[in-house]
Protein backbone atom coordinates (compact mmCIF):
# COMPACT_ATOMS: atom_id res chain seq x y z
CA MET A 1 -2.74 -8.92 17.91
CA SER A 2 -6.50 -9.68 17.79
CA SER A 3 -7.08 -11.73 14.62
CA SER A 4 -4.71 -13.02 11.95
CA GLY A 5 -4.66 -15.86 9.37
CA ASN A 6 -2.31 -17.58 7.05
CA PRO A 7 -4.69 -18.36 4.11
CA SER A 8 -4.01 -21.65 2.33
CA ALA A 9 -2.48 -21.49 -1.07
CA PRO A 10 -4.92 -21.55 -4.05
CA PRO A 11 -5.00 -24.72 -6.26
CA TYR A 12 -2.47 -23.21 -8.97
CA PRO A 13 0.38 -20.89 -8.29
CA VAL A 14 0.18 -17.23 -9.18
CA ARG A 15 2.92 -14.88 -10.23
CA ILE A 16 3.46 -11.11 -10.41
CA ALA A 17 3.96 -10.46 -14.23
CA GLY A 18 4.49 -6.64 -14.06
CA THR A 19 4.51 -3.66 -11.85
CA GLY A 20 3.96 0.02 -12.36
CA SER A 21 3.80 3.08 -10.23
CA TYR A 22 2.92 6.87 -10.73
CA LEU A 23 3.83 9.90 -8.51
CA PRO A 24 2.41 13.34 -9.07
CA GLU A 25 4.95 16.03 -10.43
CA ARG A 26 4.67 18.37 -7.60
CA ILE A 27 7.26 17.78 -4.75
CA MET A 28 6.47 19.36 -1.37
CA THR A 29 9.63 19.54 0.79
CA ASN A 30 10.14 19.88 4.62
CA ARG A 31 11.35 23.43 4.09
CA GLU A 32 8.00 24.29 2.39
CA LEU A 33 6.20 22.94 5.44
CA GLU A 34 8.44 25.12 7.71
CA GLU A 35 6.62 28.05 6.25
CA SER A 36 3.05 27.03 7.10
CA VAL A 37 3.28 24.97 10.40
CA ASP A 38 5.50 25.01 13.48
CA THR A 39 8.00 22.33 12.46
CA SER A 40 11.47 22.06 10.90
CA ASP A 41 13.23 20.06 8.29
CA GLU A 42 15.51 18.69 11.06
CA TRP A 43 12.61 17.67 13.24
CA ILE A 44 10.66 15.92 10.53
CA THR A 45 13.78 14.09 9.13
CA SER A 46 15.20 13.04 12.49
CA ARG A 47 11.85 11.60 13.61
CA THR A 48 10.42 9.97 10.35
CA GLY A 49 13.17 9.95 7.68
CA ILE A 50 10.81 11.76 5.38
CA ARG A 51 12.35 14.75 3.38
CA GLU A 52 9.64 15.32 0.80
CA ARG A 53 6.36 14.06 -0.49
CA ARG A 54 4.29 14.33 -3.70
CA ILE A 55 1.17 16.19 -3.94
CA ALA A 56 -1.51 15.64 -6.77
CA LYS A 57 -2.62 18.79 -8.51
CA ASP A 58 -6.19 20.08 -8.49
CA GLY A 59 -8.49 17.99 -10.58
CA GLU A 60 -6.19 14.96 -10.20
CA PHE A 61 -7.92 12.39 -8.26
CA THR A 62 -7.11 8.88 -6.80
CA SER A 63 -8.52 7.12 -9.96
CA HIS A 64 -6.20 9.28 -12.10
CA LEU A 65 -3.12 8.17 -10.08
CA ALA A 66 -4.21 4.47 -10.12
CA SER A 67 -4.99 4.42 -13.67
CA GLU A 68 -1.68 5.68 -14.78
CA ALA A 69 0.19 3.07 -12.47
CA ALA A 70 -2.11 0.50 -13.95
CA ARG A 71 -1.09 1.34 -17.51
CA ARG A 72 2.59 1.08 -16.60
CA ALA A 73 2.14 -2.32 -14.98
CA LEU A 74 0.00 -3.60 -17.92
CA GLU A 75 2.85 -2.41 -20.45
CA GLN A 76 5.38 -4.24 -18.45
CA ALA A 77 3.36 -7.41 -18.18
CA GLY A 78 2.47 -7.32 -21.96
CA VAL A 79 -1.26 -7.63 -21.06
CA ALA A 80 -3.74 -5.40 -22.81
CA ALA A 81 -6.19 -3.48 -20.60
CA ALA A 82 -9.13 -4.94 -22.60
CA GLU A 83 -8.15 -8.41 -21.48
CA ILE A 84 -8.05 -7.86 -17.71
CA GLU A 85 -10.92 -9.72 -15.97
CA LEU A 86 -10.64 -8.40 -12.35
CA ILE A 87 -9.47 -4.99 -10.94
CA ILE A 88 -9.06 -4.37 -7.17
CA VAL A 89 -8.22 -0.89 -6.06
CA ALA A 90 -6.88 -0.69 -2.34
CA THR A 91 -7.57 3.02 -1.21
CA ILE A 92 -8.84 5.01 1.80
CA THR A 93 -9.05 8.10 -0.26
CA PRO A 94 -11.68 7.18 -2.94
CA ASP A 95 -12.83 9.57 -5.64
CA THR A 96 -16.31 9.16 -4.17
CA LEU A 97 -18.06 6.94 -1.47
CA THR A 98 -19.75 5.16 -4.26
CA PRO A 99 -19.12 3.88 -6.73
CA ALA A 100 -15.75 2.35 -6.06
CA THR A 101 -12.70 3.98 -7.52
CA ALA A 102 -11.88 0.78 -9.24
CA CYS A 103 -15.06 1.57 -11.35
CA TYR A 104 -13.50 4.78 -12.52
CA VAL A 105 -10.20 2.99 -13.19
CA GLN A 106 -12.05 0.46 -15.32
CA GLN A 107 -13.46 3.09 -17.51
CA GLN A 108 -10.36 5.21 -17.73
CA ILE A 109 -8.00 2.38 -18.99
CA GLY A 110 -10.67 0.58 -21.03
CA SER A 111 -10.88 -2.74 -19.05
CA LEU A 112 -14.62 -2.91 -19.83
CA LYS A 113 -15.08 -6.59 -19.20
CA ALA A 114 -13.54 -6.47 -15.72
CA VAL A 115 -15.18 -7.08 -12.51
CA ALA A 116 -14.03 -3.94 -10.37
CA PHE A 117 -14.17 -3.15 -6.58
CA ASP A 118 -12.39 -1.46 -3.86
CA VAL A 119 -10.77 -2.78 -0.66
CA SER A 120 -10.37 -0.47 2.34
CA ALA A 121 -7.60 -1.83 4.65
CA ALA A 122 -5.50 1.32 4.76
CA CYS A 123 -1.79 0.88 4.47
CA SER A 124 -2.24 -3.10 4.29
CA GLY A 125 -4.67 -2.74 1.49
CA PHE A 126 -2.41 -3.70 -1.38
CA LEU A 127 -1.38 -6.81 0.28
CA TYR A 128 -5.02 -7.57 1.11
CA ALA A 129 -5.95 -7.02 -2.68
CA MET A 130 -3.02 -9.29 -3.58
CA GLU A 131 -4.16 -12.16 -1.57
CA PHE A 132 -7.71 -11.98 -2.72
CA ALA A 133 -6.53 -11.68 -6.40
CA ARG A 134 -4.17 -14.52 -5.93
CA HIS A 135 -6.84 -16.95 -4.85
CA ALA A 136 -9.32 -15.58 -7.65
CA VAL A 137 -6.70 -16.23 -10.29
CA GLY A 138 -5.26 -19.36 -8.65
CA ALA A 139 -8.54 -20.98 -8.60
CA GLY A 140 -9.29 -20.24 -12.20
CA ALA A 141 -12.30 -17.96 -11.50
CA PHE A 142 -10.32 -15.22 -13.49
CA ARG A 143 -7.52 -15.39 -15.99
CA ASN A 144 -5.75 -12.45 -14.65
CA ALA A 145 -6.04 -9.56 -12.17
CA LEU A 146 -4.92 -5.96 -11.94
CA ILE A 147 -4.25 -4.93 -8.35
CA ILE A 148 -3.61 -1.20 -7.36
CA GLY A 149 -2.78 0.76 -4.25
CA ALA A 150 -3.56 4.39 -4.62
CA GLU A 151 -4.08 7.45 -2.50
CA LYS A 152 -4.66 11.19 -2.59
CA LEU A 153 -4.02 11.68 1.06
CA SER A 154 -3.33 15.42 0.54
CA ALA A 155 -7.12 15.74 0.31
CA PHE A 156 -7.67 14.35 3.79
CA VAL A 157 -4.89 15.95 5.72
CA ASP A 158 -5.30 18.91 8.19
CA TRP A 159 -2.58 20.97 6.85
CA ASN A 160 -2.57 23.06 10.19
CA ASP A 161 -1.76 19.77 12.26
CA ARG A 162 1.96 19.47 12.23
CA ASN A 163 1.70 16.02 13.86
CA THR A 164 0.16 14.42 10.68
CA CYS A 165 0.53 16.80 7.63
CA VAL A 166 4.23 16.19 7.55
CA LEU A 167 3.67 12.31 7.15
CA PHE A 168 1.69 11.73 4.09
CA GLY A 169 1.88 11.96 0.37
CA ASP A 170 0.10 11.01 -2.76
CA GLY A 171 0.85 8.16 -5.45
CA ALA A 172 -0.11 4.86 -6.74
CA GLY A 173 1.41 1.47 -7.39
CA ALA A 174 0.00 -1.50 -9.46
CA ALA A 175 0.76 -5.10 -10.20
CA VAL A 176 -0.53 -7.51 -12.80
CA LEU A 177 -1.08 -11.17 -11.61
CA LEU A 178 -1.19 -14.11 -13.92
CA PRO A 179 -0.99 -17.97 -13.46
CA SER A 180 2.47 -19.01 -12.90
CA THR A 181 4.45 -21.11 -15.34
CA ASN A 182 7.44 -23.27 -14.73
CA GLY A 183 10.33 -21.24 -13.40
CA GLY A 184 8.23 -17.98 -13.90
CA GLY A 185 8.05 -17.13 -10.06
CA LYS A 186 5.10 -17.23 -7.69
CA ILE A 187 3.58 -15.84 -4.68
CA LEU A 188 4.62 -18.29 -1.96
CA SER A 189 2.59 -17.10 1.08
CA SER A 190 0.68 -14.43 2.75
CA THR A 191 -0.73 -13.58 6.27
CA LEU A 192 -3.50 -11.07 6.98
CA GLY A 193 -4.69 -9.72 10.38
CA THR A 194 -7.05 -7.20 11.96
CA ASP A 195 -7.49 -5.75 15.39
CA GLY A 196 -10.71 -3.62 15.35
CA ALA A 197 -10.52 -2.93 19.15
CA GLN A 198 -7.82 -0.34 18.02
CA ALA A 199 -9.74 1.30 15.40
CA GLU A 200 -9.78 4.66 17.18
CA LEU A 201 -6.02 4.88 17.00
CA LEU A 202 -5.91 5.94 13.32
CA ASN A 203 -8.92 6.97 11.35
CA ILE A 204 -10.72 9.62 9.35
CA PRO A 205 -13.76 10.19 11.70
CA GLY A 206 -16.03 12.39 9.44
CA GLY A 207 -17.66 11.77 6.21
CA GLY A 208 -19.20 8.37 6.81
CA SER A 209 -22.61 7.27 8.08
CA ALA A 210 -21.61 7.84 11.66
CA CYS A 211 -20.77 11.46 10.89
CA PRO A 212 -22.00 12.41 7.39
CA ALA A 213 -21.21 15.48 5.61
CA LEU A 214 -24.65 16.84 4.68
CA PRO A 215 -25.50 19.84 2.37
CA GLY A 216 -25.61 23.11 4.36
CA THR A 217 -24.23 21.66 7.63
CA ALA A 218 -20.75 21.36 9.14
CA PRO A 219 -19.77 17.87 10.11
CA VAL A 220 -19.18 17.27 13.80
CA LYS A 221 -15.90 15.57 13.19
CA PRO A 222 -13.88 16.58 10.15
CA ALA A 223 -13.02 14.28 7.26
CA VAL A 224 -9.24 14.48 7.95
CA LEU A 225 -6.67 11.95 9.20
CA SER A 226 -6.46 11.52 13.00
CA MET A 227 -3.71 9.61 14.64
CA GLN A 228 -2.46 8.72 18.12
CA GLY A 229 1.13 8.48 16.98
CA ARG A 230 2.86 6.87 19.86
CA GLU A 231 0.37 4.04 20.19
CA VAL A 232 0.37 3.47 16.48
CA PHE A 233 4.16 3.27 16.48
CA LYS A 234 4.14 0.46 19.18
CA HIS A 235 1.53 -1.54 17.42
CA ALA A 236 3.16 -1.35 14.15
CA VAL A 237 6.43 -2.51 15.28
CA ASN A 238 4.88 -5.41 16.87
CA ALA A 239 2.36 -6.29 14.13
CA MET A 240 4.80 -6.09 11.30
CA ARG A 241 7.36 -8.15 12.97
CA GLN A 242 4.88 -11.08 13.75
CA ALA A 243 3.27 -10.69 10.26
CA ALA A 244 6.76 -11.13 8.82
CA ILE A 245 7.51 -14.06 10.88
CA ASP A 246 4.36 -15.70 10.13
CA GLY A 247 4.54 -15.24 6.36
CA ILE A 248 8.06 -16.60 6.09
CA ALA A 249 7.11 -19.60 8.18
CA ALA A 250 4.09 -20.10 5.82
CA ALA A 251 6.31 -20.09 2.82
CA GLY A 252 8.40 -22.91 4.46
CA LEU A 253 11.53 -20.54 4.70
CA THR A 254 13.54 -18.70 7.33
CA ILE A 255 14.67 -15.04 7.44
CA ALA A 256 18.12 -16.29 5.96
CA ASP A 257 16.27 -17.31 2.86
CA ILE A 258 14.93 -13.81 2.24
CA ASP A 259 16.77 -11.61 -0.42
CA LEU A 260 14.79 -8.36 0.06
CA ILE A 261 12.38 -6.93 2.44
CA ILE A 262 10.00 -4.11 1.11
CA PRO A 263 8.23 -2.86 4.27
CA HIS A 264 5.49 -0.14 4.41
CA GLN A 265 7.06 3.21 4.08
CA ALA A 266 5.69 5.05 7.05
CA ASN A 267 8.45 6.03 9.40
CA LEU A 268 12.12 5.09 9.23
CA ARG A 269 12.12 4.39 13.01
CA ILE A 270 9.59 1.67 12.61
CA ILE A 271 11.47 0.07 9.70
CA ASP A 272 14.68 0.15 11.71
CA ALA A 273 13.05 -1.47 14.67
CA ILE A 274 11.58 -4.24 12.68
CA VAL A 275 14.59 -5.06 10.81
CA GLU A 276 16.63 -5.28 14.12
CA ARG A 277 14.07 -7.61 15.74
CA LEU A 278 14.31 -9.87 12.60
CA ASP A 279 18.05 -9.62 12.79
CA PHE A 280 18.10 -8.89 9.00
CA ASP A 281 20.65 -6.90 7.00
CA ARG A 282 19.44 -3.37 6.54
CA ASP A 283 21.25 -3.17 3.30
CA ASN A 284 18.72 -5.58 1.95
CA VAL A 285 15.80 -3.46 2.92
CA PHE A 286 14.22 -1.17 0.34
CA ILE A 287 13.37 2.30 1.50
CA ASN A 288 12.03 5.20 -0.51
CA LEU A 289 10.05 7.16 2.20
CA ASP A 290 12.43 9.89 2.12
CA LYS A 291 11.11 10.90 -1.38
CA TYR A 292 7.41 10.08 -0.91
CA GLY A 293 6.29 10.04 2.77
CA ASN A 294 3.57 7.64 3.73
CA THR A 295 1.16 6.97 0.84
CA SER A 296 -0.75 4.35 2.73
CA ALA A 297 -2.09 1.64 0.48
CA ALA A 298 0.22 2.65 -2.29
CA ALA A 299 3.41 2.59 -0.38
CA VAL A 300 4.30 -1.01 -0.71
CA ALA A 301 3.13 -1.12 -4.25
CA ILE A 302 5.31 1.97 -5.33
CA ALA A 303 8.28 0.51 -3.51
CA LEU A 304 7.92 -2.98 -5.20
CA ASP A 305 7.79 -1.35 -8.70
CA GLU A 306 10.86 0.83 -7.89
CA ALA A 307 12.72 -2.15 -6.63
CA ASN A 308 11.81 -4.14 -9.73
CA ARG A 309 12.73 -1.37 -12.12
CA GLN A 310 16.01 -0.59 -10.32
CA GLY A 311 17.18 -4.15 -10.71
CA ARG A 312 17.05 -4.88 -6.93
CA ILE A 313 14.89 -8.00 -7.60
CA LYS A 314 16.31 -10.64 -9.72
CA PRO A 315 14.77 -13.84 -11.10
CA GLY A 316 14.65 -16.52 -8.22
CA ASP A 317 14.97 -13.83 -5.40
CA ARG A 318 12.55 -14.25 -2.44
CA ILE A 319 10.86 -10.98 -1.35
CA LEU A 320 9.13 -10.11 1.76
CA LEU A 321 6.46 -7.47 1.51
CA VAL A 322 4.97 -6.49 4.98
CA ALA A 323 2.64 -3.52 5.90
CA PHE A 324 0.52 -2.23 8.87
CA GLY A 325 -2.33 0.37 8.81
CA ALA A 326 -5.46 1.71 10.26
CA GLY A 327 -7.97 -0.71 11.37
CA LEU A 328 -5.74 -1.92 12.87
CA THR A 329 -4.65 -4.13 9.96
CA TRP A 330 -1.45 -5.84 8.97
CA ALA A 331 -0.25 -8.05 6.09
CA SER A 332 2.74 -9.77 4.67
CA ALA A 333 3.49 -11.56 1.48
CA VAL A 334 6.46 -13.76 0.32
CA ILE A 335 7.10 -13.82 -3.27
CA GLU A 336 9.60 -15.81 -5.41
CA TRP A 337 10.49 -13.57 -8.43
């Protein structure tokens, strides 16, 4: 791994006060994909663990997904949208290149006094946002923060490429961060890392300044996801394993102290490989990728909300979140609930 860090804790502890998620209504099954590309339900399921994914409808953008997840997190936290002071949206599928998708969310939910901006760290983005927000709230610069991972990946997938179109889906997850009170839980640690030397392994090559989409011209490189799957798999397993180890150590814990692992939901084989290398009980790993596929920055956020609302997380539990994405980026966080 090229660069990584275990940021020091902010002056005051910060907790997750509420979570929320939103998935579009439309379900696209593997059987449906069999009709459009040369693949099969058995092939997709056996190699990825994915059985279906959600697809946003026309006119439903990343900001809409993010805003709905945000509303649900705010409701659970008991915080009014008008009181939110910081909004960070993690996404690689923004509504527009500018302004940030967070600006649209601010307007849609009515958090008009919030500072709002985006983070682009792919599948690690929600944990990047969590760390920046934790320090902002923990240092007293903001009284609270709303962090969101949201993606409309269906708008950036080549639906004729069977190697990528079977993997991705749309959705959003959110969390509200507040200062921690006695016995109220807290974010114990995090680790972040990047290896820009591997940037070509997973990217969206078209649409940026290197290959702009100009009026009346066709881009040399399309604005669709491109991935070297075998290399990404190898890096993902190594990076997520090390991020998990580093995050647990930074929290002053061992793997035996962890009650639940919520990994990035990209591929069941990646998850199984990491769990085996950590020597952790798979029954205590939260998995929902079979229903949603890889939702990039939204994946860990959606899984955290589902685990929370399903009662998989209890007060005092110690949760490990770990992710890996394009960049290449990786991140982990250990939370005491």
